[in-house]
PDB file of N, CA and C in Angstrom:
ATOM      1  N   MET A   1     122.933-221.287  86.902  1.00  0.00           N
ATOM      2  CA  MET A   1     123.221-219.876  86.976  1.00  0.00           C
ATOM      3  C   MET A   1     124.289-219.481  85.962  1.00  0.00           C
ATOM      4  N   SER A   2     125.305-220.325  85.796  1.00  0.00           N
ATOM      5  CA  SER A   2     126.382-220.020  84.855  1.00  0.00           C
ATOM      6  C   SER A   2     125.870-219.983  83.423  1.00  0.00           C
ATOM      7  N   CYS A   3     124.953-220.899  83.080  1.00  0.00           N
ATOM      8  CA  CYS A   3     124.390-220.937  81.734  1.00  0.00           C
ATOM      9  C   CYS A   3     123.681-219.623  81.421  1.00  0.00           C
ATOM     10  N   ASN A   4     122.882-219.146  82.358  1.00  0.00           N
ATOM     11  CA  ASN A   4     122.173-217.889  82.164  1.00  0.00           C
ATOM     12  C   ASN A   4     123.164-216.734  82.035  1.00  0.00           C
ATOM     13  N   ALA A   5     124.213-216.735  82.825  1.00  0.00           N
ATOM     14  CA  ALA A   5     125.227-215.679  82.760  1.00  0.00           C
ATOM     15  C   ALA A   5     125.921-215.714  81.400  1.00  0.00           C
ATOM     16  N   ASP A   6     126.218-216.911  80.894  1.00  0.00           N
ATOM     17  CA  ASP A   6     126.847-217.032  79.574  1.00  0.00           C
ATOM     18  C   ASP A   6     125.928-216.489  78.498  1.00  0.00           C
ATOM     19  N   TYR A   7     124.642-216.828  78.593  1.00  0.00           N
ATOM     20  CA  TYR A   7     123.665-216.348  77.617  1.00  0.00           C
ATOM     21  C   TYR A   7     123.591-214.829  77.651  1.00  0.00           C
ATOM     22  N   MET A   8     123.512-214.265  78.844  1.00  0.00           N
ATOM     23  CA  MET A   8     123.403-212.806  78.973  1.00  0.00           C
ATOM     24  C   MET A   8     124.642-212.128  78.419  1.00  0.00           C
ATOM     25  N   SER A   9     125.805-212.717  78.629  1.00  0.00           N
ATOM     26  CA  SER A   9     127.040-212.154  78.092  1.00  0.00           C
ATOM     27  C   SER A   9     127.011-212.164  76.564  1.00  0.00           C
ATOM     28  N   GLU A  10     126.563-213.271  75.969  1.00  0.00           N
ATOM     29  CA  GLU A  10     126.460-213.359  74.509  1.00  0.00           C
ATOM     30  C   GLU A  10     125.451-212.342  73.979  1.00  0.00           C
ATOM     31  N   TRP A  11     124.334-212.179  74.682  1.00  0.00           N
ATOM     32  CA  TRP A  11     123.301-211.226  74.280  1.00  0.00           C
ATOM     33  C   TRP A  11     123.855-209.804  74.324  1.00  0.00           C
ATOM     34  N   GLU A  12     124.568-209.467  75.381  1.00  0.00           N
ATOM     35  CA  GLU A  12     125.158-208.128  75.505  1.00  0.00           C
ATOM     36  C   GLU A  12     126.192-207.885  74.402  1.00  0.00           C
ATOM     37  N   GLU A  13     126.977-208.895  74.079  1.00  0.00           N
ATOM     38  CA  GLU A  13     127.965-208.782  72.997  1.00  0.00           C
ATOM     39  C   GLU A  13     127.263-208.581  71.653  1.00  0.00           C
ATOM     40  N   ALA A  14     126.179-209.321  71.432  1.00  0.00           N
ATOM     41  CA  ALA A  14     125.437-209.191  70.173  1.00  0.00           C
ATOM     42  C   ALA A  14     124.851-207.790  70.040  1.00  0.00           C
ATOM     43  N   LYS A  15     124.317-207.254  71.132  1.00  0.00           N
ATOM     44  CA  LYS A  15     123.757-205.896  71.089  1.00  0.00           C
ATOM     45  C   LYS A  15     124.853-204.866  70.825  1.00  0.00           C
ATOM     46  N   ALA A  16     126.012-205.037  71.460  1.00  0.00           N
ATOM     47  CA  ALA A  16     127.115-204.086  71.264  1.00  0.00           C
ATOM     48  C   ALA A  16     127.614-204.116  69.826  1.00  0.00           C
ATOM     49  N   ALA A  17     127.600-205.290  69.203  1.00  0.00           N
ATOM     50  CA  ALA A  17     128.078-205.426  67.823  1.00  0.00           C
ATOM     51  C   ALA A  17     127.027-204.994  66.804  1.00  0.00           C
ATOM     52  N   ASN A  18     125.773-204.897  67.238  1.00  0.00           N
ATOM     53  CA  ASN A  18     124.662-204.564  66.345  1.00  0.00           C
ATOM     54  C   ASN A  18     123.861-203.439  66.979  1.00  0.00           C
ATOM     55  N   GLU A  19     124.405-202.249  66.894  1.00  0.00           N
ATOM     56  CA  GLU A  19     123.845-201.092  67.580  1.00  0.00           C
ATOM     57  C   GLU A  19     122.591-200.554  66.900  1.00  0.00           C
ATOM     58  N   VAL A  20     121.783-199.874  67.703  1.00  0.00           N
ATOM     59  CA  VAL A  20     120.600-199.186  67.181  1.00  0.00           C
ATOM     60  C   VAL A  20     121.061-198.232  66.076  1.00  0.00           C
ATOM     61  N   GLY A  21     120.330-198.257  64.962  1.00  0.00           N
ATOM     62  CA  GLY A  21     120.670-197.420  63.818  1.00  0.00           C
ATOM     63  C   GLY A  21     121.438-198.155  62.726  1.00  0.00           C
ATOM     64  N   ASN A  22     122.038-199.303  63.064  1.00  0.00           N
ATOM     65  CA  ASN A  22     122.745-200.097  62.051  1.00  0.00           C
ATOM     66  C   ASN A  22     121.752-200.708  61.074  1.00  0.00           C
ATOM     67  N   THR A  23     122.159-200.820  59.831  1.00  0.00           N
ATOM     68  CA  THR A  23     121.363-201.489  58.807  1.00  0.00           C
ATOM     69  C   THR A  23     121.780-202.954  58.757  1.00  0.00           C
ATOM     70  N   VAL A  24     120.799-203.842  58.712  1.00  0.00           N
ATOM     71  CA  VAL A  24     121.067-205.282  58.660  1.00  0.00           C
ATOM     72  C   VAL A  24     120.234-205.925  57.559  1.00  0.00           C
ATOM     73  N   LYS A  25     120.716-207.059  57.091  1.00  0.00           N
ATOM     74  CA  LYS A  25     120.006-207.839  56.082  1.00  0.00           C
ATOM     75  C   LYS A  25     119.636-209.186  56.681  1.00  0.00           C
ATOM     76  N   GLY A  26     118.587-209.778  56.138  1.00  0.00           N
ATOM     77  CA  GLY A  26     118.179-211.087  56.600  1.00  0.00           C
ATOM     78  C   GLY A  26     117.098-211.661  55.722  1.00  0.00           C
ATOM     79  N   SER A  27     116.532-212.766  56.168  1.00  0.00           N
ATOM     80  CA  SER A  27     115.460-213.411  55.414  1.00  0.00           C
ATOM     81  C   SER A  27     114.330-213.795  56.364  1.00  0.00           C
ATOM     82  N   ILE A  28     113.127-213.767  55.824  1.00  0.00           N
ATOM     83  CA  ILE A  28     111.950-214.112  56.615  1.00  0.00           C
ATOM     84  C   ILE A  28     112.016-215.584  57.010  1.00  0.00           C
ATOM     85  N   GLU A  29     111.818-215.838  58.320  1.00  0.00           N
ATOM     86  CA  GLU A  29     111.799-217.203  58.825  1.00  0.00           C
ATOM     87  C   GLU A  29     110.376-217.660  59.108  1.00  0.00           C
ATOM     88  N   VAL A  30     109.647-216.869  59.903  1.00  0.00           N
ATOM     89  CA  VAL A  30     108.295-217.226  60.328  1.00  0.00           C
ATOM     90  C   VAL A  30     107.426-215.983  60.263  1.00  0.00           C
ATOM     91  N   ILE A  31     106.175-216.161  59.839  1.00  0.00           N
ATOM     92  CA  ILE A  31     105.257-215.030  59.692  1.00  0.00           C
ATOM     93  C   ILE A  31     104.066-215.227  60.624  1.00  0.00           C
ATOM     94  N   PHE A  32     103.825-214.223  61.448  1.00  0.00           N
ATOM     95  CA  PHE A  32     102.655-214.156  62.318  1.00  0.00           C
ATOM     96  C   PHE A  32     101.987-212.814  62.082  1.00  0.00           C
ATOM     97  N   PRO A  33     100.688-212.691  62.299  1.00  0.00           N
ATOM     98  CA  PRO A  33     100.048-211.375  62.173  1.00  0.00           C
ATOM     99  C   PRO A  33     100.645-210.351  63.144  1.00  0.00           C
ATOM    100  N   GLN A  34     101.176-210.826  64.284  1.00  0.00           N
ATOM    101  CA  GLN A  34     101.753-209.930  65.268  1.00  0.00           C
ATOM    102  C   GLN A  34     103.161-209.472  64.900  1.00  0.00           C
ATOM    103  N   GLY A  35     103.822-210.205  64.021  1.00  0.00           N
ATOM    104  CA  GLY A  35     105.180-209.849  63.641  1.00  0.00           C
ATOM    105  C   GLY A  35     105.835-210.918  62.791  1.00  0.00           C
ATOM    106  N   ILE A  36     106.932-210.548  62.178  1.00  0.00           N
ATOM    107  CA  ILE A  36     107.681-211.459  61.315  1.00  0.00           C
ATOM    108  C   ILE A  36     109.042-211.698  61.965  1.00  0.00           C
ATOM    109  N   ILE A  37     109.393-212.966  62.136  1.00  0.00           N
ATOM    110  CA  ILE A  37     110.688-213.331  62.694  1.00  0.00           C
ATOM    111  C   ILE A  37     111.676-213.437  61.530  1.00  0.00           C
ATOM    112  N   ILE A  38     112.811-212.762  61.682  1.00  0.00           N
ATOM    113  CA  ILE A  38     113.816-212.664  60.622  1.00  0.00           C
ATOM    114  C   ILE A  38     115.106-213.356  61.043  1.00  0.00           C
ATOM    115  N   HIS A  39     115.659-214.165  60.149  1.00  0.00           N
ATOM    116  CA  HIS A  39     117.008-214.698  60.351  1.00  0.00           C
ATOM    117  C   HIS A  39     117.965-213.623  59.842  1.00  0.00           C
ATOM    118  N   LEU A  40     118.701-213.011  60.754  1.00  0.00           N
ATOM    119  CA  LEU A  40     119.617-211.928  60.387  1.00  0.00           C
ATOM    120  C   LEU A  40     120.962-212.492  59.968  1.00  0.00           C
ATOM    121  N   ASN A  41     121.494-212.009  58.859  1.00  0.00           N
ATOM    122  CA  ASN A  41     122.771-212.477  58.350  1.00  0.00           C
ATOM    123  C   ASN A  41     123.887-212.175  59.348  1.00  0.00           C
ATOM    124  N   GLY A  42     124.610-213.208  59.763  1.00  0.00           N
ATOM    125  CA  GLY A  42     125.767-213.035  60.625  1.00  0.00           C
ATOM    126  C   GLY A  42     125.459-212.716  62.077  1.00  0.00           C
ATOM    127  N   ILE A  43     124.197-212.833  62.483  1.00  0.00           N
ATOM    128  CA  ILE A  43     123.805-212.533  63.856  1.00  0.00           C
ATOM    129  C   ILE A  43     123.056-213.746  64.405  1.00  0.00           C
ATOM    130  N   GLN A  44     123.434-214.219  65.576  1.00  0.00           N
ATOM    131  CA  GLN A  44     122.804-215.431  66.097  1.00  0.00           C
ATOM    132  C   GLN A  44     121.413-215.197  66.659  1.00  0.00           C
ATOM    133  N   TYR A  45     121.053-213.964  66.939  1.00  0.00           N
ATOM    134  CA  TYR A  45     119.730-213.663  67.486  1.00  0.00           C
ATOM    135  C   TYR A  45     118.789-213.222  66.374  1.00  0.00           C
ATOM    136  N   PRO A  46     117.521-213.602  66.465  1.00  0.00           N
ATOM    137  CA  PRO A  46     116.571-213.254  65.395  1.00  0.00           C
ATOM    138  C   PRO A  46     116.130-211.798  65.444  1.00  0.00           C
ATOM    139  N   GLY A  47     115.720-211.319  64.292  1.00  0.00           N
ATOM    140  CA  GLY A  47     115.128-209.997  64.198  1.00  0.00           C
ATOM    141  C   GLY A  47     113.616-210.109  64.260  1.00  0.00           C
ATOM    142  N   LEU A  48     112.980-209.001  64.594  1.00  0.00           N
ATOM    143  CA  LEU A  48     111.533-208.940  64.667  1.00  0.00           C
ATOM    144  C   LEU A  48     111.060-207.710  63.909  1.00  0.00           C
ATOM    145  N   VAL A  49     110.123-207.922  62.971  1.00  0.00           N
ATOM    146  CA  VAL A  49     109.578-206.843  62.149  1.00  0.00           C
ATOM    147  C   VAL A  49     108.067-206.795  62.364  1.00  0.00           C
ATOM    148  N   ASP A  50     107.514-205.610  62.467  1.00  0.00           N
ATOM    149  CA  ASP A  50     106.071-205.436  62.552  1.00  0.00           C
ATOM    150  C   ASP A  50     105.460-205.851  61.216  1.00  0.00           C
ATOM    151  N   TYR A  51     104.542-206.827  61.255  1.00  0.00           N
ATOM    152  CA  TYR A  51     103.955-207.357  60.017  1.00  0.00           C
ATOM    153  C   TYR A  51     103.273-206.264  59.205  1.00  0.00           C
ATOM    154  N   TRP A  52     102.437-205.464  59.845  1.00  0.00           N
ATOM    155  CA  TRP A  52     101.627-204.492  59.116  1.00  0.00           C
ATOM    156  C   TRP A  52     102.471-203.368  58.529  1.00  0.00           C
ATOM    157  N   LYS A  53     103.506-202.953  59.232  1.00  0.00           N
ATOM    158  CA  LYS A  53     104.379-201.910  58.680  1.00  0.00           C
ATOM    159  C   LYS A  53     105.165-202.451  57.482  1.00  0.00           C
ATOM    160  N   PHE A  54     105.627-203.697  57.582  1.00  0.00           N
ATOM    161  CA  PHE A  54     106.357-204.302  56.470  1.00  0.00           C
ATOM    162  C   PHE A  54     105.432-204.486  55.268  1.00  0.00           C
ATOM    163  N   ALA A  55     104.209-204.912  55.538  1.00  0.00           N
ATOM    164  CA  ALA A  55     103.246-205.157  54.460  1.00  0.00           C
ATOM    165  C   ALA A  55     102.934-203.886  53.678  1.00  0.00           C
ATOM    166  N   GLN A  56     103.032-202.725  54.319  1.00  0.00           N
ATOM    167  CA  GLN A  56     102.784-201.466  53.621  1.00  0.00           C
ATOM    168  C   GLN A  56     103.817-201.210  52.534  1.00  0.00           C
ATOM    169  N   HIS A  57     105.036-201.759  52.712  1.00  0.00           N
ATOM    170  CA  HIS A  57     106.118-201.528  51.759  1.00  0.00           C
ATOM    171  C   HIS A  57     106.326-202.697  50.798  1.00  0.00           C
ATOM    172  N   ALA A  58     105.686-203.808  51.096  1.00  0.00           N
ATOM    173  CA  ALA A  58     105.847-204.998  50.247  1.00  0.00           C
ATOM    174  C   ALA A  58     104.458-205.482  49.844  1.00  0.00           C
ATOM    175  N   GLN A  59     104.344-205.915  48.631  1.00  0.00           N
ATOM    176  CA  GLN A  59     103.074-206.510  48.222  1.00  0.00           C
ATOM    177  C   GLN A  59     102.909-207.833  48.964  1.00  0.00           C
ATOM    178  N   THR A  60     101.688-208.165  49.334  1.00  0.00           N
ATOM    179  CA  THR A  60     101.480-209.358  50.154  1.00  0.00           C
ATOM    180  C   THR A  60     101.993-210.638  49.501  1.00  0.00           C
ATOM    181  N   GLU A  61     102.023-210.691  48.192  1.00  0.00           N
ATOM    182  CA  GLU A  61     102.547-211.905  47.546  1.00  0.00           C
ATOM    183  C   GLU A  61     104.057-212.026  47.718  1.00  0.00           C
ATOM    184  N   ASN A  62     104.706-210.970  48.195  1.00  0.00           N
ATOM    185  CA  ASN A  62     106.147-210.996  48.436  1.00  0.00           C
ATOM    186  C   ASN A  62     106.506-211.316  49.880  1.00  0.00           C
ATOM    187  N   ILE A  63     105.516-211.597  50.711  1.00  0.00           N
ATOM    188  CA  ILE A  63     105.777-211.891  52.116  1.00  0.00           C
ATOM    189  C   ILE A  63     105.636-213.393  52.332  1.00  0.00           C
ATOM    190  N   TYR A  64     106.770-214.084  52.305  1.00  0.00           N
ATOM    191  CA  TYR A  64     106.793-215.516  52.534  1.00  0.00           C
ATOM    192  C   TYR A  64     108.182-215.912  53.015  1.00  0.00           C
ATOM    193  N   PRO A  65     108.320-217.084  53.660  1.00  0.00           N
ATOM    194  CA  PRO A  65     109.623-217.503  54.175  1.00  0.00           C
ATOM    195  C   PRO A  65     110.701-217.499  53.097  1.00  0.00           C
ATOM    196  N   SER A  66     111.880-217.107  53.488  1.00  0.00           N
ATOM    197  CA  SER A  66     113.125-217.027  52.706  1.00  0.00           C
ATOM    198  C   SER A  66     113.256-215.741  51.899  1.00  0.00           C
ATOM    199  N   VAL A  67     112.237-214.885  51.865  1.00  0.00           N
ATOM    200  CA  VAL A  67     112.363-213.599  51.173  1.00  0.00           C
ATOM    201  C   VAL A  67     113.418-212.754  51.875  1.00  0.00           C
ATOM    202  N   GLN A  68     114.281-212.133  51.099  1.00  0.00           N
ATOM    203  CA  GLN A  68     115.360-211.300  51.626  1.00  0.00           C
ATOM    204  C   GLN A  68     114.849-209.886  51.895  1.00  0.00           C
ATOM    205  N   LEU A  69     115.308-209.319  53.018  1.00  0.00           N
ATOM    206  CA  LEU A  69     114.927-207.947  53.328  1.00  0.00           C
ATOM    207  C   LEU A  69     116.074-207.213  53.995  1.00  0.00           C
ATOM    208  N   ILE A  70     115.897-205.916  54.131  1.00  0.00           N
ATOM    209  CA  ILE A  70     116.864-205.050  54.780  1.00  0.00           C
ATOM    210  C   ILE A  70     116.092-204.161  55.741  1.00  0.00           C
ATOM    211  N   GLY A  71     116.697-203.840  56.879  1.00  0.00           N
ATOM    212  CA  GLY A  71     116.031-202.996  57.861  1.00  0.00           C
ATOM    213  C   GLY A  71     117.042-202.324  58.771  1.00  0.00           C
ATOM    214  N   THR A  72     116.539-201.480  59.639  1.00  0.00           N
ATOM    215  CA  THR A  72     117.374-200.729  60.574  1.00  0.00           C
ATOM    216  C   THR A  72     117.083-201.202  61.988  1.00  0.00           C
ATOM    217  N   ILE A  73     118.114-201.431  62.759  1.00  0.00           N
ATOM    218  CA  ILE A  73     117.932-201.840  64.149  1.00  0.00           C
ATOM    219  C   ILE A  73     117.318-200.684  64.930  1.00  0.00           C
ATOM    220  N   ALA A  74     116.158-200.967  65.551  1.00  0.00           N
ATOM    221  CA  ALA A  74     115.427-199.941  66.299  1.00  0.00           C
ATOM    222  C   ALA A  74     115.562-200.123  67.808  1.00  0.00           C
ATOM    223  N   GLY A  75     115.934-201.319  68.223  1.00  0.00           N
ATOM    224  CA  GLY A  75     116.039-201.604  69.651  1.00  0.00           C
ATOM    225  C   GLY A  75     116.078-203.100  69.874  1.00  0.00           C
ATOM    226  N   TYR A  76     115.841-203.491  71.123  1.00  0.00           N
ATOM    227  CA  TYR A  76     115.976-204.894  71.495  1.00  0.00           C
ATOM    228  C   TYR A  76     114.808-205.321  72.363  1.00  0.00           C
ATOM    229  N   ASP A  77     114.327-206.536  72.150  1.00  0.00           N
ATOM    230  CA  ASP A  77     113.319-207.130  73.011  1.00  0.00           C
ATOM    231  C   ASP A  77     114.083-207.983  74.019  1.00  0.00           C
ATOM    232  N   GLU A  78     114.303-207.432  75.196  1.00  0.00           N
ATOM    233  CA  GLU A  78     115.119-208.094  76.220  1.00  0.00           C
ATOM    234  C   GLU A  78     114.485-209.385  76.724  1.00  0.00           C
ATOM    235  N   ASP A  79     113.157-209.436  76.778  1.00  0.00           N
ATOM    236  CA  ASP A  79     112.481-210.622  77.302  1.00  0.00           C
ATOM    237  C   ASP A  79     112.625-211.829  76.379  1.00  0.00           C
ATOM    238  N   ASN A  80     112.631-211.584  75.071  1.00  0.00           N
ATOM    239  CA  ASN A  80     112.655-212.683  74.108  1.00  0.00           C
ATOM    240  C   ASN A  80     113.973-212.838  73.366  1.00  0.00           C
ATOM    241  N   GLY A  81     114.896-211.895  73.531  1.00  0.00           N
ATOM    242  CA  GLY A  81     116.181-211.982  72.835  1.00  0.00           C
ATOM    243  C   GLY A  81     116.053-211.722  71.353  1.00  0.00           C
ATOM    244  N   TRP A  82     115.210-210.766  70.988  1.00  0.00           N
ATOM    245  CA  TRP A  82     115.013-210.410  69.588  1.00  0.00           C
ATOM    246  C   TRP A  82     115.590-209.026  69.333  1.00  0.00           C
ATOM    247  N   ILE A  83     116.046-208.822  68.119  1.00  0.00           N
ATOM    248  CA  ILE A  83     116.513-207.509  67.684  1.00  0.00           C
ATOM    249  C   ILE A  83     115.383-206.884  66.879  1.00  0.00           C
ATOM    250  N   LYS A  84     114.853-205.777  67.380  1.00  0.00           N
ATOM    251  CA  LYS A  84     113.714-205.118  66.726  1.00  0.00           C
ATOM    252  C   LYS A  84     114.193-204.305  65.534  1.00  0.00           C
ATOM    253  N   LEU A  85     113.490-204.453  64.423  1.00  0.00           N
ATOM    254  CA  LEU A  85     113.833-203.723  63.202  1.00  0.00           C
ATOM    255  C   LEU A  85     112.724-202.756  62.827  1.00  0.00           C
ATOM    256  N   GLU A  86     113.114-201.660  62.200  1.00  0.00           N
ATOM    257  CA  GLU A  86     112.160-200.710  61.640  1.00  0.00           C
ATOM    258  C   GLU A  86     112.556-200.434  60.195  1.00  0.00           C
ATOM    259  N   ASP A  87     111.678-199.794  59.466  1.00  0.00           N
ATOM    260  CA  ASP A  87     111.921-199.462  58.054  1.00  0.00           C
ATOM    261  C   ASP A  87     112.340-200.690  57.248  1.00  0.00           C
ATOM    262  N   ALA A  88     111.797-201.848  57.593  1.00  0.00           N
ATOM    263  CA  ALA A  88     112.125-203.073  56.858  1.00  0.00           C
ATOM    264  C   ALA A  88     111.475-203.023  55.484  1.00  0.00           C
ATOM    265  N   ARG A  89     112.219-203.475  54.492  1.00  0.00           N
ATOM    266  CA  ARG A  89     111.717-203.465  53.116  1.00  0.00           C
ATOM    267  C   ARG A  89     112.389-204.598  52.347  1.00  0.00           C
ATOM    268  N   LEU A  90     111.788-204.950  51.254  1.00  0.00           N
ATOM    269  CA  LEU A  90     112.365-205.993  50.404  1.00  0.00           C
ATOM    270  C   LEU A  90     113.741-205.584  49.929  1.00  0.00           C
ATOM    271  N   LEU A  91     114.648-206.531  49.896  1.00  0.00           N
ATOM    272  CA  LEU A  91     115.997-206.263  49.416  1.00  0.00           C
ATOM    273  C   LEU A  91     115.964-206.165  47.899  1.00  0.00           C
ATOM    274  N   ASP A  92     116.450-205.065  47.386  1.00  0.00           N
ATOM    275  CA  ASP A  92     116.483-204.833  45.941  1.00  0.00           C
ATOM    276  C   ASP A  92     117.719-205.540  45.373  1.00  0.00           C
ATOM    277  N   HIS A  93     117.500-206.645  44.694  1.00  0.00           N
ATOM    278  CA  HIS A  93     118.621-207.412  44.155  1.00  0.00           C
ATOM    279  C   HIS A  93     119.239-206.799  42.923  1.00  0.00           C
ATOM    280  N   SER A  94     118.651-205.706  42.429  1.00  0.00           N
ATOM    281  CA  SER A  94     119.223-205.072  41.244  1.00  0.00           C
ATOM    282  C   SER A  94     120.383-204.151  41.587  1.00  0.00           C
ATOM    283  N   VAL A  95     120.567-203.891  42.908  1.00  0.00           N
ATOM    284  CA  VAL A  95     121.650-202.986  43.331  1.00  0.00           C
ATOM    285  C   VAL A  95     122.942-203.729  43.423  1.00  0.00           C
TER     286      VAL A  95
END
């Protein structure tokens, strides 16, 4: 019971530190047709991006593990401990 309570406390802290509307950066970890799992910079919980929405903004040859992207926190998947992202796009390294 204590382990679960510790996890929930960490999850609540992560959500408070990474509020809806914040912009975050990360890199693609795993790609599924249902979604892309993102390693978010400085955040211990993974991000989740809709594959098809991301693909509309990125050419398919640019969708592979380790590609850098930027997105906006849209909400949280409480069941899986994921941070949902919207408006995800390739990180422009020229900026």
